[in-house]
């Protein structure tokens, strides 16, 4: 079993040394990460559906419960992410995470 823990540690180190975590560690101001914070919201909001779909198409019953359990753990992550975005002022009060700011005129466009 030690080989599995070693493999997990190696994978973790590879992730932490990747561009996402290096940019995150180098961030000194919220504007340094503002560009991809909204993308994290979309990932949070779609991830539960992706896990549910993975559960549905999984043909090996031994793993189905893992996907189902993981999906139930992820259900509130999009709303938690949204609260976090407001708390840290990545969104203005009342602003929707799906709104877009026009780079030319600065006006807000909101997707529903």
N, C-alpha and C. Protein backbone atom coordinates (compact mmCIF):
# COMPACT_ATOMS: atom_id res chain seq x y z
N UNK A 1 0.81 -1.20 0.00
CA UNK A 1 0.00 0.00 0.00
C UNK A 1 0.86 1.26 0.00
N UNK A 2 2.08 1.15 0.49
CA UNK A 2 2.97 2.31 0.53
C UNK A 2 3.20 2.88 -0.87
N UNK A 3 3.25 2.01 -1.87
CA UNK A 3 3.45 2.48 -3.25
C UNK A 3 2.33 3.43 -3.67
N UNK A 4 1.11 3.17 -3.19
CA UNK A 4 -0.02 4.02 -3.54
C UNK A 4 0.11 5.40 -2.89
N UNK A 5 0.52 5.44 -1.64
CA UNK A 5 0.74 6.71 -0.96
C UNK A 5 1.87 7.50 -1.63
N UNK A 6 2.93 6.79 -2.03
CA UNK A 6 4.04 7.45 -2.72
C UNK A 6 3.58 8.03 -4.07
N UNK A 7 2.77 7.27 -4.77
CA UNK A 7 2.24 7.75 -6.05
C UNK A 7 1.36 8.98 -5.83
N UNK A 8 0.53 8.96 -4.79
CA UNK A 8 -0.30 10.11 -4.46
C UNK A 8 0.53 11.34 -4.13
N UNK A 9 1.59 11.15 -3.38
CA UNK A 9 2.48 12.26 -3.03
C UNK A 9 3.17 12.82 -4.27
N UNK A 10 3.57 11.94 -5.17
CA UNK A 10 4.21 12.38 -6.41
C UNK A 10 3.22 13.18 -7.28
N UNK A 11 2.00 12.69 -7.37
CA UNK A 11 0.97 13.42 -8.15
C UNK A 11 0.69 14.78 -7.53
N UNK A 12 0.60 14.83 -6.22
CA UNK A 12 0.37 16.11 -5.53
C UNK A 12 1.49 17.09 -5.82
N UNK A 13 2.73 16.62 -5.76
CA UNK A 13 3.87 17.50 -6.02
C UNK A 13 3.85 17.99 -7.47
N UNK A 14 3.48 17.13 -8.39
CA UNK A 14 3.38 17.54 -9.80
C UNK A 14 2.32 18.62 -9.97
N UNK A 15 1.19 18.47 -9.30
CA UNK A 15 0.14 19.49 -9.37
C UNK A 15 0.62 20.82 -8.78
N UNK A 16 1.22 20.76 -7.61
CA UNK A 16 1.66 21.97 -6.93
C UNK A 16 2.76 22.72 -7.68
N UNK A 17 3.51 22.02 -8.49
CA UNK A 17 4.57 22.69 -9.25
C UNK A 17 4.10 23.13 -10.63
N UNK A 18 2.83 22.88 -10.94
CA UNK A 18 2.27 23.29 -12.22
C UNK A 18 1.98 24.78 -12.27
N UNK A 19 1.61 25.26 -13.44
CA UNK A 19 1.44 26.70 -13.65
C UNK A 19 0.33 27.31 -12.78
N UNK A 20 -0.77 26.59 -12.57
CA UNK A 20 -1.86 27.14 -11.76
C UNK A 20 -1.38 27.50 -10.35
N UNK A 21 -0.75 26.54 -9.69
CA UNK A 21 -0.33 26.78 -8.31
C UNK A 21 0.88 27.71 -8.22
N UNK A 22 1.72 27.73 -9.24
CA UNK A 22 2.84 28.68 -9.21
C UNK A 22 2.33 30.10 -9.37
N UNK A 23 1.36 30.30 -10.25
CA UNK A 23 0.77 31.63 -10.40
C UNK A 23 0.01 32.04 -9.13
N UNK A 24 -0.68 31.09 -8.53
CA UNK A 24 -1.40 31.38 -7.29
C UNK A 24 -0.43 31.80 -6.18
N UNK A 25 0.66 31.10 -6.05
CA UNK A 25 1.65 31.42 -5.01
C UNK A 25 2.29 32.79 -5.26
N UNK A 26 2.42 33.17 -6.53
CA UNK A 26 3.06 34.45 -6.86
C UNK A 26 2.09 35.63 -6.78
N UNK A 27 0.80 35.36 -6.65
CA UNK A 27 -0.19 36.44 -6.62
C UNK A 27 0.00 37.31 -5.39
N UNK A 28 0.02 38.61 -5.63
CA UNK A 28 0.18 39.56 -4.53
C UNK A 28 -1.06 40.40 -4.31
N UNK A 29 -1.99 40.35 -5.26
CA UNK A 29 -3.18 41.19 -5.21
C UNK A 29 -4.33 40.41 -5.85
N UNK A 30 -5.56 40.61 -5.40
CA UNK A 30 -6.70 39.90 -6.01
C UNK A 30 -6.78 40.05 -7.54
N UNK A 31 -6.33 41.19 -8.06
CA UNK A 31 -6.36 41.37 -9.52
C UNK A 31 -5.46 40.38 -10.24
N UNK A 32 -4.47 39.84 -9.55
CA UNK A 32 -3.57 38.86 -10.17
C UNK A 32 -4.28 37.55 -10.48
N UNK A 33 -5.38 37.28 -9.80
CA UNK A 33 -6.11 36.03 -10.02
C UNK A 33 -7.54 36.25 -10.49
N UNK A 34 -7.95 37.49 -10.57
CA UNK A 34 -9.34 37.82 -10.93
C UNK A 34 -9.76 37.17 -12.25
N UNK A 35 -8.84 37.08 -13.20
CA UNK A 35 -9.15 36.54 -14.52
C UNK A 35 -9.65 35.11 -14.50
N UNK A 36 -9.17 34.30 -13.57
CA UNK A 36 -9.60 32.91 -13.58
C UNK A 36 -10.51 32.53 -12.42
N UNK A 37 -10.80 33.46 -11.53
CA UNK A 37 -11.68 33.14 -10.41
C UNK A 37 -13.08 32.78 -10.90
N UNK A 38 -13.58 33.50 -11.90
CA UNK A 38 -14.91 33.17 -12.44
C UNK A 38 -14.93 31.79 -13.06
N UNK A 39 -13.84 31.41 -13.71
CA UNK A 39 -13.78 30.07 -14.29
C UNK A 39 -13.92 29.01 -13.20
N UNK A 40 -13.38 29.26 -12.03
CA UNK A 40 -13.54 28.31 -10.93
C UNK A 40 -15.00 28.17 -10.53
N UNK A 41 -15.76 29.28 -10.62
CA UNK A 41 -17.19 29.19 -10.34
C UNK A 41 -17.86 28.24 -11.33
N UNK A 42 -17.56 28.40 -12.61
CA UNK A 42 -18.18 27.53 -13.62
C UNK A 42 -17.79 26.08 -13.39
N UNK A 43 -16.55 25.84 -13.03
CA UNK A 43 -16.14 24.47 -12.75
C UNK A 43 -16.91 23.92 -11.56
N UNK A 44 -17.09 24.72 -10.53
CA UNK A 44 -17.85 24.28 -9.36
C UNK A 44 -19.29 23.98 -9.72
N UNK A 45 -19.88 24.85 -10.54
CA UNK A 45 -21.31 24.67 -10.85
C UNK A 45 -21.55 23.48 -11.77
N UNK A 46 -20.58 23.11 -12.59
CA UNK A 46 -20.78 22.00 -13.54
C UNK A 46 -20.21 20.68 -13.05
N UNK A 47 -19.40 20.71 -12.02
CA UNK A 47 -18.69 19.51 -11.61
C UNK A 47 -19.62 18.43 -11.08
N UNK A 48 -20.63 18.82 -10.33
CA UNK A 48 -21.57 17.83 -9.78
C UNK A 48 -22.26 17.07 -10.91
N UNK A 49 -22.67 17.81 -11.95
CA UNK A 49 -23.32 17.16 -13.09
C UNK A 49 -22.35 16.21 -13.80
N UNK A 50 -21.09 16.61 -13.89
CA UNK A 50 -20.10 15.75 -14.53
C UNK A 50 -19.91 14.46 -13.73
N UNK A 51 -19.87 14.57 -12.41
CA UNK A 51 -19.73 13.37 -11.58
C UNK A 51 -20.96 12.48 -11.68
N UNK A 52 -22.14 13.09 -11.73
CA UNK A 52 -23.36 12.30 -11.86
C UNK A 52 -23.37 11.57 -13.20
N UNK A 53 -22.91 12.25 -14.26
CA UNK A 53 -22.84 11.60 -15.56
C UNK A 53 -21.82 10.47 -15.53
N UNK A 54 -20.70 10.69 -14.86
CA UNK A 54 -19.68 9.64 -14.76
C UNK A 54 -20.24 8.43 -14.03
N UNK A 55 -21.02 8.68 -12.98
CA UNK A 55 -21.68 7.58 -12.26
C UNK A 55 -22.59 6.80 -13.20
N UNK A 56 -23.34 7.54 -14.02
CA UNK A 56 -24.31 6.91 -14.91
C UNK A 56 -23.65 6.04 -15.97
N UNK A 57 -22.51 6.49 -16.50
CA UNK A 57 -21.89 5.73 -17.58
C UNK A 57 -20.85 4.71 -17.10
N UNK A 58 -20.57 4.72 -15.80
CA UNK A 58 -19.60 3.78 -15.25
C UNK A 58 -20.17 2.37 -15.31
N UNK A 59 -19.45 1.48 -15.95
CA UNK A 59 -19.93 0.10 -16.10
C UNK A 59 -19.45 -0.82 -14.98
N UNK A 60 -18.52 -0.33 -14.19
CA UNK A 60 -17.97 -1.16 -13.12
C UNK A 60 -18.66 -0.76 -11.81
N UNK A 61 -19.54 -1.62 -11.33
CA UNK A 61 -20.33 -1.31 -10.12
C UNK A 61 -19.46 -1.01 -8.91
N UNK A 62 -18.22 -1.49 -8.90
CA UNK A 62 -17.34 -1.23 -7.75
C UNK A 62 -17.02 0.25 -7.60
N UNK A 63 -17.09 1.00 -8.68
CA UNK A 63 -16.73 2.42 -8.64
C UNK A 63 -17.93 3.36 -8.67
N UNK A 64 -19.09 2.85 -9.00
CA UNK A 64 -20.28 3.70 -9.09
C UNK A 64 -20.55 4.46 -7.79
N UNK A 65 -20.45 3.78 -6.68
CA UNK A 65 -20.74 4.44 -5.40
C UNK A 65 -19.75 5.55 -5.11
N UNK A 66 -18.51 5.41 -5.57
CA UNK A 66 -17.51 6.48 -5.37
C UNK A 66 -17.94 7.75 -6.09
N UNK A 67 -18.39 7.60 -7.34
CA UNK A 67 -18.84 8.77 -8.10
C UNK A 67 -20.09 9.38 -7.48
N UNK A 68 -21.01 8.53 -7.04
CA UNK A 68 -22.24 9.02 -6.42
C UNK A 68 -21.93 9.78 -5.12
N UNK A 69 -21.07 9.21 -4.29
CA UNK A 69 -20.69 9.85 -3.04
C UNK A 69 -20.00 11.19 -3.30
N UNK A 70 -19.09 11.20 -4.25
CA UNK A 70 -18.36 12.43 -4.56
C UNK A 70 -19.33 13.50 -5.07
N UNK A 71 -20.30 13.12 -5.89
CA UNK A 71 -21.29 14.08 -6.39
C UNK A 71 -22.09 14.70 -5.25
N UNK A 72 -22.48 13.89 -4.26
CA UNK A 72 -23.23 14.45 -3.13
C UNK A 72 -22.37 15.40 -2.30
N UNK A 73 -21.07 15.15 -2.25
CA UNK A 73 -20.17 16.04 -1.50
C UNK A 73 -19.97 17.37 -2.21
N UNK A 74 -20.17 17.40 -3.52
CA UNK A 74 -19.90 18.60 -4.31
C UNK A 74 -21.12 19.50 -4.50
N UNK A 75 -22.29 19.07 -4.08
CA UNK A 75 -23.54 19.76 -4.38
C UNK A 75 -23.51 21.24 -4.01
N UNK A 76 -22.97 21.60 -2.86
CA UNK A 76 -23.01 23.00 -2.42
C UNK A 76 -21.75 23.80 -2.77
N UNK A 77 -20.83 23.23 -3.50
CA UNK A 77 -19.57 23.93 -3.76
C UNK A 77 -19.74 25.19 -4.60
N UNK A 78 -20.66 25.19 -5.56
CA UNK A 78 -20.87 26.40 -6.36
C UNK A 78 -21.40 27.55 -5.50
N UNK A 79 -22.31 27.26 -4.60
CA UNK A 79 -22.83 28.33 -3.73
C UNK A 79 -21.77 28.78 -2.73
N UNK A 80 -20.95 27.85 -2.24
CA UNK A 80 -19.85 28.23 -1.35
C UNK A 80 -18.84 29.10 -2.10
N UNK A 81 -18.56 28.74 -3.34
CA UNK A 81 -17.64 29.52 -4.17
C UNK A 81 -18.20 30.92 -4.39
N UNK A 82 -19.50 31.01 -4.65
CA UNK A 82 -20.14 32.30 -4.87
C UNK A 82 -20.04 33.17 -3.62
N UNK A 83 -20.31 32.60 -2.45
CA UNK A 83 -20.16 33.34 -1.19
C UNK A 83 -18.73 33.83 -1.03
N UNK A 84 -17.76 32.99 -1.35
CA UNK A 84 -16.35 33.35 -1.25
C UNK A 84 -16.01 34.50 -2.21
N UNK A 85 -16.57 34.45 -3.42
CA UNK A 85 -16.31 35.50 -4.40
C UNK A 85 -16.84 36.86 -3.92
N UNK A 86 -18.02 36.86 -3.29
CA UNK A 86 -18.56 38.11 -2.73
C UNK A 86 -17.72 38.58 -1.54
N UNK A 87 -17.38 37.66 -0.67
CA UNK A 87 -16.62 38.00 0.54
C UNK A 87 -15.29 38.65 0.20
N UNK A 88 -14.63 38.15 -0.84
CA UNK A 88 -13.31 38.66 -1.21
C UNK A 88 -13.37 39.67 -2.35
N UNK A 89 -14.59 40.13 -2.63
CA UNK A 89 -14.85 41.22 -3.58
C UNK A 89 -14.39 40.92 -5.01
N UNK A 90 -14.48 39.65 -5.39
CA UNK A 90 -14.30 39.31 -6.80
C UNK A 90 -15.58 39.62 -7.56
N UNK A 91 -16.68 39.74 -6.82
CA UNK A 91 -17.96 40.19 -7.36
C UNK A 91 -18.46 41.33 -6.50
N UNK A 92 -19.09 42.30 -7.13
CA UNK A 92 -19.72 43.39 -6.40
C UNK A 92 -21.03 42.90 -5.80
N UNK A 93 -21.54 43.52 -4.75
CA UNK A 93 -22.83 43.10 -4.19
C UNK A 93 -23.90 43.07 -5.29
N UNK A 94 -24.58 41.96 -5.40
CA UNK A 94 -25.64 41.81 -6.39
C UNK A 94 -25.16 41.41 -7.78
N UNK A 95 -23.87 41.46 -8.02
CA UNK A 95 -23.34 41.07 -9.34
C UNK A 95 -23.41 39.55 -9.49
N UNK A 96 -23.78 39.10 -10.66
CA UNK A 96 -23.88 37.67 -10.93
C UNK A 96 -22.54 37.15 -11.46
N UNK A 97 -22.19 35.92 -11.12
CA UNK A 97 -20.91 35.37 -11.60
C UNK A 97 -20.90 35.18 -13.11
N UNK A 98 -22.06 35.20 -13.74
CA UNK A 98 -22.14 35.02 -15.18
C UNK A 98 -22.11 36.34 -15.95
N UNK A 99 -21.97 37.46 -15.23
CA UNK A 99 -21.88 38.75 -15.93
C UNK A 99 -20.50 38.92 -16.55
N UNK A 100 -20.46 39.70 -17.59
CA UNK A 100 -19.22 39.94 -18.33
C UNK A 100 -19.05 41.45 -18.46
N UNK A 101 -17.83 41.93 -18.29
CA UNK A 101 -17.56 43.35 -18.49
C UNK A 101 -16.97 43.53 -19.89
N UNK A 102 -17.57 44.42 -20.65
CA UNK A 102 -17.09 44.70 -22.00
C UNK A 102 -15.73 45.39 -21.91
N UNK A 103 -14.72 44.84 -22.58
CA UNK A 103 -13.39 45.43 -22.55
C UNK A 103 -13.30 46.75 -23.27
N UNK A 104 -14.23 47.03 -24.16
CA UNK A 104 -14.19 48.28 -24.92
C UNK A 104 -14.86 49.44 -24.18
N UNK A 105 -16.10 49.20 -23.71
CA UNK A 105 -16.85 50.31 -23.10
C UNK A 105 -17.02 50.18 -21.59
N UNK A 106 -16.69 49.02 -21.02
CA UNK A 106 -16.79 48.84 -19.58
C UNK A 106 -18.18 48.49 -19.08
N UNK A 107 -19.17 48.36 -20.00
CA UNK A 107 -20.53 48.03 -19.55
C UNK A 107 -20.61 46.56 -19.18
N UNK A 108 -21.57 46.26 -18.29
CA UNK A 108 -21.78 44.88 -17.82
C UNK A 108 -22.80 44.19 -18.70
N UNK A 109 -22.52 42.96 -19.05
CA UNK A 109 -23.44 42.12 -19.79
C UNK A 109 -23.72 40.92 -18.87
N UNK A 110 -24.99 40.61 -18.64
CA UNK A 110 -25.32 39.53 -17.73
C UNK A 110 -26.00 38.41 -18.48
N UNK A 111 -25.45 37.20 -18.34
CA UNK A 111 -26.10 35.99 -18.85
C UNK A 111 -27.01 35.48 -17.76
N UNK A 112 -28.14 34.95 -18.10
CA UNK A 112 -29.03 34.40 -17.09
C UNK A 112 -28.99 32.92 -17.08
